[in-house]
């Protein structure tokens, strides 16, 4: 990997992977190679047990300003470049909500269009107060992408999703609390340290398999009845409670030491409960 890669990857000793969108001269506008590289690194993080939490951020003063509009007339024209049959609105082929690790968006500056919809795929979102944010696609003659009609509604509700996505407005950082979009809004200089601290605390103190199964159930829960959720919680508890981490967690807490988790997501993933 070199500093010229469209997405940089770092993994620290605690298991926190830092993915940095790396086109600062273009305010990290999305290119095909950037999105392909992001999907590749997401897949690596999901499969590698050494990775316990993930932080996604942008190089320079922006997180991601959406599709690269260097040639504006061709930005959304797929008719001459492979045709509609090959087009997908997914943005990135493996979305963050499908990863079996905590994914924190460290939105260090402007996130517009696809940049914002990619951030909304993450589990936790830390935004810079100084940035500008919006899912502006309806003002570009297209519509929200990257599963945003699913992620945004489930995260903020229909009325706020409509305000964000149907107006195509750009919002200041201070408005994100009202909209329910942000987990935290902090000064730009504090975004990455805040995100890394949260990810590191999770990587160390939360059992990897417990995080993985809880995350999947959280993201699918709105499509389930209360009884279906109870059934899945029960079956997943049976899988986890019979394993060493259910002893290690309480013991580490009582002894006030760092837990030594034994279960691995790649090896110990359960058969997913059926209704």
Protein backbone atom coordinates (compact mmCIF):
# COMPACT_ATOMS: atom_id res chain seq x y z
CA UNK A 1 0.00 0.00 0.00
CA UNK A 2 1.25 3.50 -0.84
CA UNK A 3 0.12 7.00 -0.01
CA UNK A 4 -1.30 7.12 -3.55
CA UNK A 5 -3.91 4.44 -2.85
CA UNK A 6 -7.50 5.77 -3.01
CA UNK A 7 -8.21 4.29 0.44
CA UNK A 8 -5.48 3.86 3.05
CA UNK A 9 -5.48 1.06 5.63
CA UNK A 10 -3.91 0.96 9.09
CA UNK A 11 -4.39 -1.59 11.87
CA UNK A 12 -3.26 -0.83 15.40
CA UNK A 13 -2.23 -3.23 18.16
CA UNK A 14 -5.69 -3.13 19.76
CA UNK A 15 -7.45 -4.30 16.62
CA UNK A 16 -8.76 -0.95 15.35
CA UNK A 17 -8.63 -0.63 11.56
CA UNK A 18 -8.48 2.92 10.20
CA UNK A 19 -9.70 3.33 6.61
CA UNK A 20 -8.95 6.75 5.11
CA UNK A 21 -10.57 7.95 1.90
CA UNK A 22 -7.54 9.36 0.15
CA UNK A 23 -8.30 11.85 -2.62
CA UNK A 24 -7.83 15.06 -0.62
CA UNK A 25 -7.17 17.17 -3.72
CA UNK A 26 -10.70 16.20 -4.88
CA UNK A 27 -12.22 16.51 -1.38
CA UNK A 28 -12.37 12.68 -1.48
CA UNK A 29 -14.97 12.65 -4.25
CA UNK A 30 -15.87 9.08 -5.15
CA UNK A 31 -14.17 7.41 -8.07
CA UNK A 32 -14.63 3.83 -9.21
CA UNK A 33 -11.22 2.77 -7.85
CA UNK A 34 -11.99 4.39 -4.48
CA UNK A 35 -15.29 2.54 -4.09
CA UNK A 36 -13.76 -0.76 -5.23
CA UNK A 37 -10.90 -0.35 -2.78
CA UNK A 38 -13.27 0.52 0.06
CA UNK A 39 -15.29 -2.64 -0.61
CA UNK A 40 -12.08 -4.69 -0.74
CA UNK A 41 -10.94 -3.31 2.62
CA UNK A 42 -14.38 -3.76 4.17
CA UNK A 43 -14.25 -7.43 3.15
CA UNK A 44 -10.75 -7.80 4.58
CA UNK A 45 -11.86 -6.25 7.88
CA UNK A 46 -14.90 -8.51 8.07
CA UNK A 47 -12.90 -11.68 7.50
CA UNK A 48 -9.82 -10.84 9.61
CA UNK A 49 -10.22 -11.68 13.31
CA UNK A 50 -7.35 -9.31 14.10
CA UNK A 51 -9.74 -6.47 13.22
CA UNK A 52 -12.19 -5.83 16.05
CA UNK A 53 -13.50 -2.36 15.16
CA UNK A 54 -13.32 -0.09 12.12
CA UNK A 55 -13.08 3.68 11.71
CA UNK A 56 -13.70 5.30 8.31
CA UNK A 57 -12.54 8.88 7.75
CA UNK A 58 -11.34 11.22 5.01
CA UNK A 59 -7.94 12.71 4.26
CA UNK A 60 -7.71 16.47 4.35
CA UNK A 61 -10.63 18.77 5.16
CA UNK A 62 -13.54 16.69 3.84
CA UNK A 63 -14.96 13.24 4.49
CA UNK A 64 -16.37 12.71 0.99
CA UNK A 65 -18.10 15.17 -1.30
CA UNK A 66 -19.95 12.55 -3.31
CA UNK A 67 -19.57 11.48 -6.91
CA UNK A 68 -16.61 12.88 -8.80
CA UNK A 69 -18.13 15.59 -11.00
CA UNK A 70 -14.95 16.54 -12.87
CA UNK A 71 -16.90 15.88 -16.06
CA UNK A 72 -20.34 16.91 -14.77
CA UNK A 73 -22.26 15.91 -17.89
CA UNK A 74 -21.06 12.31 -17.58
CA UNK A 75 -21.37 11.92 -13.80
CA UNK A 76 -24.67 10.03 -13.89
CA UNK A 77 -24.64 8.94 -17.53
CA UNK A 78 -24.36 5.16 -17.61
CA UNK A 79 -25.83 4.74 -21.10
CA UNK A 80 -22.44 4.98 -22.81
CA UNK A 81 -20.32 3.12 -20.26
CA UNK A 82 -21.72 -0.37 -19.94
CA UNK A 83 -25.42 0.31 -19.98
CA UNK A 84 -28.14 0.19 -17.41
CA UNK A 85 -27.87 -3.57 -16.94
CA UNK A 86 -24.49 -3.15 -15.23
CA UNK A 87 -25.48 -0.20 -13.04
CA UNK A 88 -26.01 -0.58 -9.28
CA UNK A 89 -27.00 2.17 -6.85
CA UNK A 90 -25.19 0.38 -4.01
CA UNK A 91 -22.19 2.72 -4.12
CA UNK A 92 -19.96 0.17 -2.42
CA UNK A 93 -20.60 -3.50 -3.09
CA UNK A 94 -20.26 -4.49 0.58
CA UNK A 95 -22.04 -1.93 2.78
CA UNK A 96 -20.79 -1.13 6.27
CA UNK A 97 -23.95 -2.39 7.95
CA UNK A 98 -23.19 -5.92 6.70
CA UNK A 99 -19.77 -6.08 8.36
CA UNK A 100 -19.57 -8.12 11.56
CA UNK A 101 -17.56 -5.44 13.34
CA UNK A 102 -18.45 -2.02 14.78
CA UNK A 103 -18.01 0.60 12.04
CA UNK A 104 -17.57 4.22 13.14
CA UNK A 105 -17.75 7.03 10.58
CA UNK A 106 -15.33 9.79 11.59
CA UNK A 107 -16.88 12.46 9.38
CA UNK A 108 -14.09 15.00 9.65
CA UNK A 109 -15.59 17.50 7.21
CA UNK A 110 -18.05 17.91 4.37
CA UNK A 111 -20.12 14.82 3.46
CA UNK A 112 -22.34 15.38 0.45
CA UNK A 113 -24.38 13.01 -1.71
CA UNK A 114 -22.78 9.58 -1.82
CA UNK A 115 -20.38 10.70 0.91
CA UNK A 116 -23.30 11.19 3.26
CA UNK A 117 -25.11 8.02 2.25
CA UNK A 118 -21.92 6.00 2.85
CA UNK A 119 -21.66 7.54 6.33
CA UNK A 120 -25.26 6.57 7.04
CA UNK A 121 -24.35 2.92 6.47
CA UNK A 122 -22.10 3.00 9.54
CA UNK A 123 -23.16 2.01 13.04
CA UNK A 124 -21.94 5.19 14.75
CA UNK A 125 -21.37 8.60 13.15
CA UNK A 126 -19.15 11.34 14.60
CA UNK A 127 -19.53 14.62 12.66
CA UNK A 128 -17.44 17.79 12.53
CA UNK A 129 -19.41 20.84 13.61
CA UNK A 130 -17.77 22.91 10.87
CA UNK A 131 -18.84 20.70 7.97
CA UNK A 132 -21.71 20.83 5.49
CA UNK A 133 -23.83 17.71 5.01
CA UNK A 134 -26.57 16.59 2.71
CA UNK A 135 -28.11 13.88 0.56
CA UNK A 136 -28.45 16.26 -2.34
CA UNK A 137 -29.07 13.88 -5.23
CA UNK A 138 -32.59 15.15 -6.03
CA UNK A 139 -30.95 18.51 -6.79
CA UNK A 140 -28.65 16.75 -9.26
CA UNK A 141 -31.45 15.13 -11.22
CA UNK A 142 -31.12 11.69 -9.63
CA UNK A 143 -32.04 10.28 -6.19
CA UNK A 144 -30.48 9.00 -2.96
CA UNK A 145 -28.29 5.92 -3.29
CA UNK A 146 -26.24 3.45 -1.24
CA UNK A 147 -29.33 1.96 0.48
CA UNK A 148 -30.24 5.41 1.84
CA UNK A 149 -34.00 4.86 1.48
CA UNK A 150 -33.50 2.04 3.98
CA UNK A 151 -30.73 3.31 6.26
CA UNK A 152 -31.93 6.89 6.71
CA UNK A 153 -35.54 5.98 7.47
CA UNK A 154 -34.58 3.40 10.07
CA UNK A 155 -32.07 5.77 11.68
CA UNK A 156 -34.08 9.00 11.86
CA UNK A 157 -37.71 8.15 10.96
CA UNK A 158 -39.82 8.94 7.91
CA UNK A 159 -40.48 12.64 8.53
CA UNK A 160 -36.83 13.55 9.03
CA UNK A 161 -35.74 11.25 6.21
CA UNK A 162 -38.16 13.11 3.93
CA UNK A 163 -36.75 16.47 5.01
CA UNK A 164 -33.22 15.28 4.30
CA UNK A 165 -33.77 13.35 1.08
CA UNK A 166 -36.72 15.01 -0.66
CA UNK A 167 -35.50 18.59 -0.23
CA UNK A 168 -31.88 17.77 -1.06
CA UNK A 169 -30.87 20.53 1.34
CA UNK A 170 -27.39 20.96 2.75
CA UNK A 171 -27.26 21.15 6.55
CA UNK A 172 -24.74 22.66 8.92
CA UNK A 173 -23.16 20.48 11.57
CA UNK A 174 -25.20 22.06 14.34
CA UNK A 175 -28.42 20.89 12.62
CA UNK A 176 -27.50 17.22 12.75
CA UNK A 177 -28.56 16.81 16.37
CA UNK A 178 -32.09 17.97 15.52
CA UNK A 179 -32.22 15.62 12.56
CA UNK A 180 -30.99 12.66 14.62
CA UNK A 181 -28.27 11.89 12.09
CA UNK A 182 -25.25 12.23 14.37
CA UNK A 183 -24.12 10.10 17.27
CA UNK A 184 -21.94 13.07 18.27
CA UNK A 185 -21.11 16.48 16.80
CA UNK A 186 -17.70 17.79 17.83
CA UNK A 187 -15.09 20.25 16.52
CA UNK A 188 -13.32 18.95 13.42
CA UNK A 189 -10.03 18.44 15.25
CA UNK A 190 -11.76 16.11 17.72
CA UNK A 191 -13.61 13.91 15.24
CA UNK A 192 -10.94 11.30 14.55
CA UNK A 193 -9.65 11.07 18.15
CA UNK A 194 -13.24 10.68 19.39
CA UNK A 195 -13.98 7.95 16.85
CA UNK A 196 -10.72 6.10 17.51
CA UNK A 197 -11.27 6.21 21.27
CA UNK A 198 -14.74 4.72 20.90
CA UNK A 199 -13.52 2.03 18.49
CA UNK A 200 -10.53 1.17 20.69
CA UNK A 201 -12.67 0.86 23.82
CA UNK A 202 -14.99 -1.50 21.94
CA UNK A 203 -12.13 -3.50 20.43
CA UNK A 204 -10.65 -4.13 23.86
CA UNK A 205 -13.66 -4.48 26.14
CA UNK A 206 -16.46 -5.93 23.99
CA UNK A 207 -16.43 -9.59 22.99
CA UNK A 208 -16.00 -9.77 19.18
CA UNK A 209 -18.61 -12.46 18.55
CA UNK A 210 -21.10 -10.78 20.88
CA UNK A 211 -20.69 -7.52 18.97
CA UNK A 212 -21.03 -9.31 15.64
CA UNK A 213 -24.29 -11.14 16.37
CA UNK A 214 -25.80 -8.16 18.20
CA UNK A 215 -25.00 -5.86 15.28
CA UNK A 216 -26.65 -8.15 12.74
CA UNK A 217 -29.76 -8.48 14.89
CA UNK A 218 -29.93 -4.71 15.48
CA UNK A 219 -29.83 -3.92 11.77
CA UNK A 220 -32.52 -6.49 10.92
CA UNK A 221 -34.72 -5.90 13.97
CA UNK A 222 -37.04 -3.32 12.42
CA UNK A 223 -38.22 -5.94 9.94
CA UNK A 224 -39.04 -8.45 12.70
CA UNK A 225 -41.82 -8.79 15.24
CA UNK A 226 -41.06 -8.69 18.95
CA UNK A 227 -41.58 -12.45 19.09
CA UNK A 228 -39.12 -13.03 16.25
CA UNK A 229 -36.52 -10.87 17.98
CA UNK A 230 -37.03 -12.80 21.23
CA UNK A 231 -36.59 -16.10 19.40
CA UNK A 232 -33.34 -14.96 17.78
CA UNK A 233 -32.00 -13.46 21.00
CA UNK A 234 -32.71 -16.74 22.79
CA UNK A 235 -31.03 -18.94 20.17
CA UNK A 236 -28.01 -16.64 19.91
CA UNK A 237 -27.69 -16.52 23.70
CA UNK A 238 -27.57 -20.32 23.76
CA UNK A 239 -24.68 -20.26 21.32
CA UNK A 240 -22.73 -17.59 23.21
CA UNK A 241 -23.51 -18.52 26.82
CA UNK A 242 -22.08 -22.02 26.36
CA UNK A 243 -18.72 -20.61 25.26
CA UNK A 244 -15.66 -19.32 27.20
CA UNK A 245 -16.30 -15.61 26.65
CA UNK A 246 -19.41 -15.77 28.85
CA UNK A 247 -17.10 -16.69 31.74
CA UNK A 248 -14.20 -14.46 30.74
CA UNK A 249 -16.30 -11.28 30.54
CA UNK A 250 -17.57 -11.34 34.15
CA UNK A 251 -14.20 -12.53 35.48
CA UNK A 252 -12.28 -9.73 33.73
CA UNK A 253 -14.81 -7.21 35.04
CA UNK A 254 -14.51 -8.41 38.64
CA UNK A 255 -10.71 -8.63 38.44
CA UNK A 256 -10.50 -5.23 36.72
CA UNK A 257 -8.29 -6.44 33.90
CA UNK A 258 -8.35 -6.51 30.13
CA UNK A 259 -10.47 -9.43 28.90
CA UNK A 260 -8.88 -12.21 26.86
CA UNK A 261 -11.62 -13.07 24.38
CA UNK A 262 -11.47 -16.56 22.89
CA UNK A 263 -14.32 -16.67 20.38
CA UNK A 264 -13.56 -15.61 16.82
CA UNK A 265 -16.07 -14.27 14.32
CA UNK A 266 -14.62 -16.26 11.41
CA UNK A 267 -14.53 -19.54 13.33
CA UNK A 268 -17.42 -19.37 15.79
CA UNK A 269 -20.17 -17.61 13.83
CA UNK A 270 -23.50 -19.33 14.64
CA UNK A 271 -26.06 -20.76 12.28
CA UNK A 272 -28.46 -17.82 12.03
CA UNK A 273 -31.81 -18.56 13.75
CA UNK A 274 -34.76 -19.28 11.51
CA UNK A 275 -38.30 -18.19 12.37
